[in-house]
PDB file of all heavy atoms in Angstrom:
ATOM      1  N   ARG A   1     115.649 106.270  93.932  1.00  0.00           N
ATOM      2  CA  ARG A   1     116.138 107.257  93.021  1.00  0.00           C
ATOM      3  C   ARG A   1     115.063 107.647  92.046  1.00  0.00           C
ATOM      4  O   ARG A   1     114.838 108.831  91.706  1.00  0.00           O
ATOM      5  CB  ARG A   1     117.347 106.725  92.258  1.00  0.00           C
ATOM      6  CG  ARG A   1     117.965 107.685  91.220  1.00  0.00           C
ATOM      7  CD  ARG A   1     119.227 107.124  90.565  1.00  0.00           C
ATOM      8  NE  ARG A   1     119.034 105.801  89.986  1.00  0.00           N
ATOM      9  CZ  ARG A   1     118.478 105.580  88.809  1.00  0.00           C
ATOM     10  NH1 ARG A   1     117.987 106.559  88.100  1.00  0.00           N
ATOM     11  NH2 ARG A   1     118.382 104.373  88.371  1.00  0.00           N
ATOM     12  N   ILE A   2     114.320 106.647  91.479  1.00  0.00           N
ATOM     13  CA  ILE A   2     113.245 106.875  90.578  1.00  0.00           C
ATOM     14  C   ILE A   2     111.961 107.436  91.236  1.00  0.00           C
ATOM     15  O   ILE A   2     111.157 108.088  90.569  1.00  0.00           O
ATOM     16  CB  ILE A   2     112.896 105.622  89.770  1.00  0.00           C
ATOM     17  CG1 ILE A   2     114.174 105.166  88.958  1.00  0.00           C
ATOM     18  CG2 ILE A   2     111.742 105.789  88.841  1.00  0.00           C
ATOM     19  CD1 ILE A   2     114.042 103.811  88.310  1.00  0.00           C
ATOM     20  N   GLY A   3     111.840 107.098  92.505  1.00  0.00           N
ATOM     21  CA  GLY A   3     110.634 107.566  93.252  1.00  0.00           C
ATOM     22  C   GLY A   3     109.480 106.605  93.175  1.00  0.00           C
ATOM     23  O   GLY A   3     108.297 107.034  93.084  1.00  0.00           O
ATOM     24  N   VAL A   4     109.738 105.265  93.089  1.00  0.00           N
ATOM     25  CA  VAL A   4     108.646 104.302  92.963  1.00  0.00           C
ATOM     26  C   VAL A   4     108.800 103.290  94.055  1.00  0.00           C
ATOM     27  O   VAL A   4     109.865 103.184  94.756  1.00  0.00           O
ATOM     28  CB  VAL A   4     108.798 103.595  91.589  1.00  0.00           C
ATOM     29  CG1 VAL A   4     108.518 104.584  90.460  1.00  0.00           C
ATOM     30  CG2 VAL A   4     110.120 102.911  91.353  1.00  0.00           C
ATOM     31  N   GLU A   5     107.726 102.464  94.216  1.00  0.00           N
ATOM     32  CA  GLU A   5     107.660 101.411  95.273  1.00  0.00           C
ATOM     33  C   GLU A   5     107.324 100.089  94.659  1.00  0.00           C
ATOM     34  O   GLU A   5     106.743 100.052  93.545  1.00  0.00           O
ATOM     35  CB  GLU A   5     106.641 101.770  96.307  1.00  0.00           C
ATOM     36  CG  GLU A   5     106.971 103.063  97.056  1.00  0.00           C
ATOM     37  CD  GLU A   5     105.836 103.364  98.057  1.00  0.00           C
ATOM     38  OE1 GLU A   5     104.856 102.589  98.128  1.00  0.00           O
ATOM     39  OE2 GLU A   5     105.999 104.402  98.780  1.00  0.00           O
ATOM     40  N   ASN A   6     107.715  99.002  95.371  1.00  0.00           N
ATOM     41  CA  ASN A   6     107.361  97.675  94.856  1.00  0.00           C
ATOM     42  C   ASN A   6     105.801  97.597  94.622  1.00  0.00           C
ATOM     43  O   ASN A   6     105.019  97.969  95.509  1.00  0.00           O
ATOM     44  CB  ASN A   6     107.731  96.598  95.949  1.00  0.00           C
ATOM     45  CG  ASN A   6     107.592  95.180  95.396  1.00  0.00           C
ATOM     46  OD1 ASN A   6     108.121  94.895  94.345  1.00  0.00           O
ATOM     47  ND2 ASN A   6     106.895  94.381  96.213  1.00  0.00           N
ATOM     48  N   GLY A   7     105.441  97.045  93.472  1.00  0.00           N
ATOM     49  CA  GLY A   7     104.045  96.898  93.190  1.00  0.00           C
ATOM     50  C   GLY A   7     103.354  98.098  92.509  1.00  0.00           C
ATOM     51  O   GLY A   7     102.258  98.000  92.060  1.00  0.00           O
ATOM     52  N   GLU A   8     104.063  99.229  92.509  1.00  0.00           N
ATOM     53  CA  GLU A   8     103.576 100.407  91.916  1.00  0.00           C
ATOM     54  C   GLU A   8     103.381 100.279  90.424  1.00  0.00           C
ATOM     55  O   GLU A   8     104.199  99.644  89.740  1.00  0.00           O
ATOM     56  CB  GLU A   8     104.395 101.627  92.218  1.00  0.00           C
ATOM     57  CG  GLU A   8     103.845 102.963  91.726  1.00  0.00           C
ATOM     58  CD  GLU A   8     104.631 104.173  92.211  1.00  0.00           C
ATOM     59  OE1 GLU A   8     105.516 103.976  93.099  1.00  0.00           O
ATOM     60  OE2 GLU A   8     104.383 105.251  91.714  1.00  0.00           O
ATOM     61  N   ILE A   9     102.391 100.853  89.833  1.00  0.00           N
ATOM     62  CA  ILE A   9     102.093 100.801  88.412  1.00  0.00           C
ATOM     63  C   ILE A   9     102.492 102.184  87.753  1.00  0.00           C
ATOM     64  O   ILE A   9     102.023 103.212  88.274  1.00  0.00           O
ATOM     65  CB  ILE A   9     100.615 100.508  88.077  1.00  0.00           C
ATOM     66  CG1 ILE A   9     100.137  99.177  88.758  1.00  0.00           C
ATOM     67  CG2 ILE A   9     100.421 100.465  86.561  1.00  0.00           C
ATOM     68  CD1 ILE A   9     100.905  97.975  88.298  1.00  0.00           C
ATOM     69  N   VAL A  10     103.312 102.147  86.809  1.00  0.00           N
ATOM     70  CA  VAL A  10     103.847 103.355  86.190  1.00  0.00           C
ATOM     71  C   VAL A  10     103.704 103.218  84.703  1.00  0.00           C
ATOM     72  O   VAL A  10     103.287 102.196  84.145  1.00  0.00           O
ATOM     73  CB  VAL A  10     105.355 103.634  86.515  1.00  0.00           C
ATOM     74  CG1 VAL A  10     105.533 103.780  87.987  1.00  0.00           C
ATOM     75  CG2 VAL A  10     106.268 102.548  85.993  1.00  0.00           C
ATOM     76  N   SER A  11     103.999 104.317  83.963  1.00  0.00           N
ATOM     77  CA  SER A  11     104.055 104.284  82.478  1.00  0.00           C
ATOM     78  C   SER A  11     105.540 104.544  82.118  1.00  0.00           C
ATOM     79  O   SER A  11     106.356 105.116  82.929  1.00  0.00           O
ATOM     80  CB  SER A  11     103.262 105.464  81.886  1.00  0.00           C
ATOM     81  OG  SER A  11     101.875 105.242  82.143  1.00  0.00           O
ATOM     82  N   VAL A  12     105.994 104.101  80.976  1.00  0.00           N
ATOM     83  CA  VAL A  12     107.311 104.278  80.451  1.00  0.00           C
ATOM     84  C   VAL A  12     107.246 104.732  79.057  1.00  0.00           C
ATOM     85  O   VAL A  12     106.689 104.059  78.153  1.00  0.00           O
ATOM     86  CB  VAL A  12     108.112 102.981  80.587  1.00  0.00           C
ATOM     87  CG1 VAL A  12     109.537 103.188  80.023  1.00  0.00           C
ATOM     88  CG2 VAL A  12     108.196 102.512  82.100  1.00  0.00           C
ATOM     89  N   GLU A  13     107.886 105.870  78.789  1.00  0.00           N
ATOM     90  CA  GLU A  13     108.013 106.395  77.445  1.00  0.00           C
ATOM     91  C   GLU A  13     109.158 105.747  76.728  1.00  0.00           C
ATOM     92  O   GLU A  13     110.341 105.737  77.217  1.00  0.00           O
ATOM     93  CB  GLU A  13     108.186 107.875  77.456  1.00  0.00           C
ATOM     94  CG  GLU A  13     108.250 108.525  76.041  1.00  0.00           C
ATOM     95  CD  GLU A  13     108.459 110.070  76.092  1.00  0.00           C
ATOM     96  OE1 GLU A  13     108.894 110.549  77.157  1.00  0.00           O
ATOM     97  OE2 GLU A  13     108.172 110.663  75.096  1.00  0.00           O
ATOM     98  N   ILE A  14     108.930 105.135  75.505  1.00  0.00           N
ATOM     99  CA  ILE A  14     109.988 104.478  74.769  1.00  0.00           C
ATOM    100  C   ILE A  14     110.268 105.281  73.509  1.00  0.00           C
ATOM    101  O   ILE A  14     109.355 105.448  72.635  1.00  0.00           O
ATOM    102  CB  ILE A  14     109.474 103.051  74.330  1.00  0.00           C
ATOM    103  CG1 ILE A  14     108.955 102.255  75.516  1.00  0.00           C
ATOM    104  CG2 ILE A  14     110.627 102.379  73.555  1.00  0.00           C
ATOM    105  CD1 ILE A  14     110.053 101.834  76.517  1.00  0.00           C
ATOM    106  N   PRO A  15     111.453 105.887  73.350  1.00  0.00           N
ATOM    107  CA  PRO A  15     111.736 106.604  72.201  1.00  0.00           C
ATOM    108  C   PRO A  15     112.038 105.604  70.988  1.00  0.00           C
ATOM    109  O   PRO A  15     112.393 104.454  71.263  1.00  0.00           O
ATOM    110  CB  PRO A  15     113.089 107.357  72.531  1.00  0.00           C
ATOM    111  CG  PRO A  15     113.713 106.446  73.536  1.00  0.00           C
ATOM    112  CD  PRO A  15     112.600 105.824  74.347  1.00  0.00           C
ATOM    113  N   SER A  16     111.809 106.062  69.849  1.00  0.00           N
ATOM    114  CA  SER A  16     111.997 105.198  68.652  1.00  0.00           C
ATOM    115  C   SER A  16     112.848 105.902  67.582  1.00  0.00           C
ATOM    116  O   SER A  16     112.739 107.174  67.381  1.00  0.00           O
ATOM    117  CB  SER A  16     110.638 104.799  68.080  1.00  0.00           C
ATOM    118  OG  SER A  16     110.837 104.096  66.877  1.00  0.00           O
ATOM    119  N   ALA A  17     113.665 105.209  66.911  1.00  0.00           N
ATOM    120  CA  ALA A  17     114.503 105.725  65.852  1.00  0.00           C
ATOM    121  C   ALA A  17     113.673 105.950  64.546  1.00  0.00           C
ATOM    122  O   ALA A  17     114.186 106.614  63.580  1.00  0.00           O
ATOM    123  CB  ALA A  17     115.704 104.827  65.565  1.00  0.00           C
ATOM    124  N   ASN A  18     112.487 105.370  64.477  1.00  0.00           N
ATOM    125  CA  ASN A  18     111.768 105.390  63.210  1.00  0.00           C
ATOM    126  C   ASN A  18     110.284 105.969  63.405  1.00  0.00           C
ATOM    127  O   ASN A  18     109.373 105.476  62.780  1.00  0.00           O
ATOM    128  CB  ASN A  18     111.705 104.014  62.508  1.00  0.00           C
ATOM    129  CG  ASN A  18     111.146 102.957  63.452  1.00  0.00           C
ATOM    130  OD1 ASN A  18     110.602 103.261  64.540  1.00  0.00           O
ATOM    131  ND2 ASN A  18     111.275 101.685  63.040  1.00  0.00           N
ATOM    132  N   SER A  19     110.184 106.968  64.283  1.00  0.00           N
ATOM    133  CA  SER A  19     108.908 107.683  64.450  1.00  0.00           C
ATOM    134  C   SER A  19     107.799 106.783  64.949  1.00  0.00           C
ATOM    135  O   SER A  19     106.633 106.955  64.570  1.00  0.00           O
ATOM    136  CB  SER A  19     108.517 108.373  63.125  1.00  0.00           C
ATOM    137  OG  SER A  19     109.475 109.240  62.715  1.00  0.00           O
ATOM    138  N   ARG A  20     108.094 105.865  65.825  1.00  0.00           N
ATOM    139  CA  ARG A  20     107.065 104.984  66.463  1.00  0.00           C
ATOM    140  C   ARG A  20     107.122 105.079  67.978  1.00  0.00           C
ATOM    141  O   ARG A  20     106.840 104.134  68.664  1.00  0.00           O
ATOM    142  CB  ARG A  20     107.199 103.540  65.968  1.00  0.00           C
ATOM    143  CG  ARG A  20     107.056 103.397  64.499  1.00  0.00           C
ATOM    144  CD  ARG A  20     106.790 101.920  64.093  1.00  0.00           C
ATOM    145  NE  ARG A  20     105.401 101.643  64.358  1.00  0.00           N
ATOM    146  CZ  ARG A  20     104.921 100.413  64.168  1.00  0.00           C
ATOM    147  NH1 ARG A  20     105.687  99.432  63.761  1.00  0.00           N
ATOM    148  NH2 ARG A  20     103.644 100.176  64.393  1.00  0.00           N
ATOM    149  N   ASN A  21     107.415 106.270  68.506  1.00  0.00           N
ATOM    150  CA  ASN A  21     107.479 106.491  69.920  1.00  0.00           C
ATOM    151  C   ASN A  21     106.242 105.964  70.583  1.00  0.00           C
ATOM    152  O   ASN A  21     105.094 106.203  70.045  1.00  0.00           O
ATOM    153  CB  ASN A  21     107.671 107.924  70.283  1.00  0.00           C
ATOM    154  CG  ASN A  21     109.068 108.444  69.885  1.00  0.00           C
ATOM    155  OD1 ASN A  21     109.810 107.742  69.244  1.00  0.00           O
ATOM    156  ND2 ASN A  21     109.293 109.734  70.211  1.00  0.00           N
ATOM    157  N   LEU A  22     106.331 105.318  71.709  1.00  0.00           N
ATOM    158  CA  LEU A  22     105.185 104.780  72.482  1.00  0.00           C
ATOM    159  C   LEU A  22     105.316 105.089  73.922  1.00  0.00           C
ATOM    160  O   LEU A  22     106.416 105.133  74.490  1.00  0.00           O
ATOM    161  CB  LEU A  22     105.062 103.308  72.262  1.00  0.00           C
ATOM    162  CG  LEU A  22     104.250 102.722  71.080  1.00  0.00           C
ATOM    163  CD1 LEU A  22     104.329 101.242  71.122  1.00  0.00           C
ATOM    164  CD2 LEU A  22     102.845 103.237  71.069  1.00  0.00           C
ATOM    165  N   VAL A  23     104.184 105.274  74.681  1.00  0.00           N
ATOM    166  CA  VAL A  23     104.185 105.270  76.064  1.00  0.00           C
ATOM    167  C   VAL A  23     103.439 103.986  76.520  1.00  0.00           C
ATOM    168  O   VAL A  23     102.287 103.846  76.166  1.00  0.00           O
ATOM    169  CB  VAL A  23     103.521 106.556  76.658  1.00  0.00           C
ATOM    170  CG1 VAL A  23     103.405 106.422  78.134  1.00  0.00           C
ATOM    171  CG2 VAL A  23     104.283 107.805  76.226  1.00  0.00           C
ATOM    172  N   PHE A  24     104.186 103.112  77.240  1.00  0.00           N
ATOM    173  CA  PHE A  24     103.526 101.933  77.725  1.00  0.00           C
ATOM    174  C   PHE A  24     103.003 102.201  79.089  1.00  0.00           C
ATOM    175  O   PHE A  24     103.732 102.629  79.995  1.00  0.00           O
ATOM    176  CB  PHE A  24     104.478 100.751  77.761  1.00  0.00           C
ATOM    177  CG  PHE A  24     104.850 100.187  76.458  1.00  0.00           C
ATOM    178  CD1 PHE A  24     106.193 100.224  76.001  1.00  0.00           C
ATOM    179  CD2 PHE A  24     103.892  99.520  75.728  1.00  0.00           C
ATOM    180  CE1 PHE A  24     106.459  99.618  74.806  1.00  0.00           C
ATOM    181  CE2 PHE A  24     104.197  98.978  74.466  1.00  0.00           C
ATOM    182  CZ  PHE A  24     105.506  99.018  74.034  1.00  0.00           C
ATOM    183  N   GLY A  25     101.699 101.943  79.296  1.00  0.00           N
ATOM    184  CA  GLY A  25     101.072 102.054  80.633  1.00  0.00           C
ATOM    185  C   GLY A  25     101.087 100.695  81.295  1.00  0.00           C
ATOM    186  O   GLY A  25     101.571  99.695  80.711  1.00  0.00           O
ATOM    187  N   ASP A  26     100.554 100.633  82.546  1.00  0.00           N
ATOM    188  CA  ASP A  26     100.438  99.370  83.210  1.00  0.00           C
ATOM    189  C   ASP A  26     101.749  98.612  83.384  1.00  0.00           C
ATOM    190  O   ASP A  26     101.766  97.360  83.219  1.00  0.00           O
ATOM    191  CB  ASP A  26      99.401  98.493  82.567  1.00  0.00           C
ATOM    192  CG  ASP A  26      98.023  99.131  82.459  1.00  0.00           C
ATOM    193  OD1 ASP A  26      97.635  99.669  83.443  1.00  0.00           O
ATOM    194  OD2 ASP A  26      97.429  99.089  81.358  1.00  0.00           O
ATOM    195  N   VAL A  27     102.784  99.361  83.661  1.00  0.00           N
ATOM    196  CA  VAL A  27     104.100  98.713  83.905  1.00  0.00           C
ATOM    197  C   VAL A  27     104.252  98.550  85.447  1.00  0.00           C
ATOM    198  O   VAL A  27     104.197  99.543  86.196  1.00  0.00           O
ATOM    199  CB  VAL A  27     105.273  99.577  83.355  1.00  0.00           C
ATOM    200  CG1 VAL A  27     106.610  98.917  83.624  1.00  0.00           C
ATOM    201  CG2 VAL A  27     105.043  99.935  81.924  1.00  0.00           C
ATOM    202  N   VAL A  28     104.398  97.271  85.854  1.00  0.00           N
ATOM    203  CA  VAL A  28     104.520  96.988  87.313  1.00  0.00           C
ATOM    204  C   VAL A  28     105.955  97.101  87.779  1.00  0.00           C
ATOM    205  O   VAL A  28     106.900  96.620  87.081  1.00  0.00           O
ATOM    206  CB  VAL A  28     103.906  95.645  87.700  1.00  0.00           C
ATOM    207  CG1 VAL A  28     104.633  94.478  87.057  1.00  0.00           C
ATOM    208  CG2 VAL A  28     103.819  95.480  89.171  1.00  0.00           C
ATOM    209  N   VAL A  29     106.204  97.765  88.886  1.00  0.00           N
ATOM    210  CA  VAL A  29     107.533  97.860  89.446  1.00  0.00           C
ATOM    211  C   VAL A  29     107.778  96.705  90.439  1.00  0.00           C
ATOM    212  O   VAL A  29     106.972  96.481  91.342  1.00  0.00           O
ATOM    213  CB  VAL A  29     107.734  99.184  90.156  1.00  0.00           C
ATOM    214  CG1 VAL A  29     109.107  99.291  90.781  1.00  0.00           C
ATOM    215  CG2 VAL A  29     107.534 100.341  89.208  1.00  0.00           C
ATOM    216  N   ARG A  30     108.917  95.974  90.223  1.00  0.00           N
ATOM    217  CA  ARG A  30     109.236  94.837  91.181  1.00  0.00           C
ATOM    218  C   ARG A  30     110.595  95.263  91.794  1.00  0.00           C
ATOM    219  O   ARG A  30     111.537  95.423  91.084  1.00  0.00           O
ATOM    220  CB  ARG A  30     109.332  93.579  90.364  1.00  0.00           C
ATOM    221  CG  ARG A  30     107.964  93.224  89.812  1.00  0.00           C
ATOM    222  CD  ARG A  30     107.961  92.163  88.751  1.00  0.00           C
ATOM    223  NE  ARG A  30     108.532  90.926  89.304  1.00  0.00           N
ATOM    224  CZ  ARG A  30     108.773  89.846  88.501  1.00  0.00           C
ATOM    225  NH1 ARG A  30     108.561  89.896  87.195  1.00  0.00           N
ATOM    226  NH2 ARG A  30     109.365  88.798  88.998  1.00  0.00           N
ATOM    227  N   VAL A  31     110.556  95.371  93.108  1.00  0.00           N
ATOM    228  CA  VAL A  31     111.763  95.833  93.892  1.00  0.00           C
ATOM    229  C   VAL A  31     112.346  94.729  94.649  1.00  0.00           C
ATOM    230  O   VAL A  31     111.682  94.029  95.438  1.00  0.00           O
ATOM    231  CB  VAL A  31     111.397  97.035  94.812  1.00  0.00           C
ATOM    232  CG1 VAL A  31     112.664  97.470  95.539  1.00  0.00           C
ATOM    233  CG2 VAL A  31     110.851  98.167  93.965  1.00  0.00           C
ATOM    234  N   SER A  32     113.640  94.462  94.416  1.00  0.00           N
ATOM    235  CA  SER A  32     114.403  93.455  95.243  1.00  0.00           C
ATOM    236  C   SER A  32     115.849  93.786  95.068  1.00  0.00           C
ATOM    237  O   SER A  32     116.344  94.124  93.904  1.00  0.00           O
ATOM    238  CB  SER A  32     114.135  92.042  94.730  1.00  0.00           C
ATOM    239  OG  SER A  32     115.062  91.164  95.335  1.00  0.00           O
ATOM    240  N   ASP A  33     116.634  93.643  96.112  1.00  0.00           N
ATOM    241  CA  ASP A  33     118.071  93.882  96.028  1.00  0.00           C
ATOM    242  C   ASP A  33     118.831  92.827  95.243  1.00  0.00           C
ATOM    243  O   ASP A  33     120.034  92.826  95.016  1.00  0.00           O
ATOM    244  CB  ASP A  33     118.684  94.166  97.383  1.00  0.00           C
ATOM    245  CG  ASP A  33     118.289  95.592  97.930  1.00  0.00           C
ATOM    246  OD1 ASP A  33     118.074  96.455  97.053  1.00  0.00           O
ATOM    247  OD2 ASP A  33     118.173  95.722  99.116  1.00  0.00           O
ATOM    248  N   SER A  34     118.117  91.740  94.879  1.00  0.00           N
ATOM    249  CA  SER A  34     118.635  90.713  94.001  1.00  0.00           C
ATOM    250  C   SER A  34     118.438  91.031  92.517  1.00  0.00           C
ATOM    251  O   SER A  34     118.942  90.251  91.637  1.00  0.00           O
ATOM    252  CB  SER A  34     118.083  89.360  94.348  1.00  0.00           C
ATOM    253  OG  SER A  34     116.712  89.318  93.990  1.00  0.00           O
ATOM    254  N   TYR A  35     117.874  92.149  92.185  1.00  0.00           N
ATOM    255  CA  TYR A  35     117.595  92.520  90.825  1.00  0.00           C
ATOM    256  C   TYR A  35     118.662  93.464  90.320  1.00  0.00           C
ATOM    257  O   TYR A  35     119.468  94.066  91.103  1.00  0.00           O
ATOM    258  CB  TYR A  35     116.259  93.236  90.656  1.00  0.00           C
ATOM    259  CG  TYR A  35     115.009  92.404  90.884  1.00  0.00           C
ATOM    260  CD1 TYR A  35     113.870  93.005  91.252  1.00  0.00           C
ATOM    261  CD2 TYR A  35     115.073  91.008  90.596  1.00  0.00           C
ATOM    262  CE1 TYR A  35     112.731  92.254  91.431  1.00  0.00           C
ATOM    263  CE2 TYR A  35     113.927  90.259  90.806  1.00  0.00           C
ATOM    264  CZ  TYR A  35     112.724  90.875  91.153  1.00  0.00           C
ATOM    265  OH  TYR A  35     111.599  90.083  91.388  1.00  0.00           O
ATOM    266  N   ALA A  36     118.743  93.675  89.005  1.00  0.00           N
ATOM    267  CA  ALA A  36     119.445  94.790  88.338  1.00  0.00           C
ATOM    268  C   ALA A  36     118.455  95.674  87.589  1.00  0.00           C
ATOM    269  O   ALA A  36     117.464  95.035  87.035  1.00  0.00           O
ATOM    270  CB  ALA A  36     120.457  94.137  87.360  1.00  0.00           C
ATOM    271  N   LEU A  37     118.584  96.923  87.597  1.00  0.00           N
ATOM    272  CA  LEU A  37     117.637  97.817  87.013  1.00  0.00           C
ATOM    273  C   LEU A  37     117.407  97.558  85.523  1.00  0.00           C
ATOM    274  O   LEU A  37     118.402  97.675  84.736  1.00  0.00           O
ATOM    275  CB  LEU A  37     118.046  99.321  87.260  1.00  0.00           C
ATOM    276  CG  LEU A  37     117.086 100.363  86.687  1.00  0.00           C
ATOM    277  CD1 LEU A  37     115.726 100.296  87.373  1.00  0.00           C
ATOM    278  CD2 LEU A  37     117.737 101.727  86.806  1.00  0.00           C
ATOM    279  N   ALA A  38     116.189  97.264  85.149  1.00  0.00           N
ATOM    280  CA  ALA A  38     115.861  97.009  83.779  1.00  0.00           C
ATOM    281  C   ALA A  38     114.357  96.887  83.590  1.00  0.00           C
ATOM    282  O   ALA A  38     113.721  96.366  84.485  1.00  0.00           O
ATOM    283  CB  ALA A  38     116.586  95.800  83.151  1.00  0.00           C
TER     284      ALA A  38
END
């Protein structure tokens, strides 16, 4: 659904309620049907 694969490195934009929005790079995707999305 997200369009990613196991081991892929992505970035994630994190919104903030106090003007400290950040984009985290180097986020590794780990895929397994024993996981829950988080």
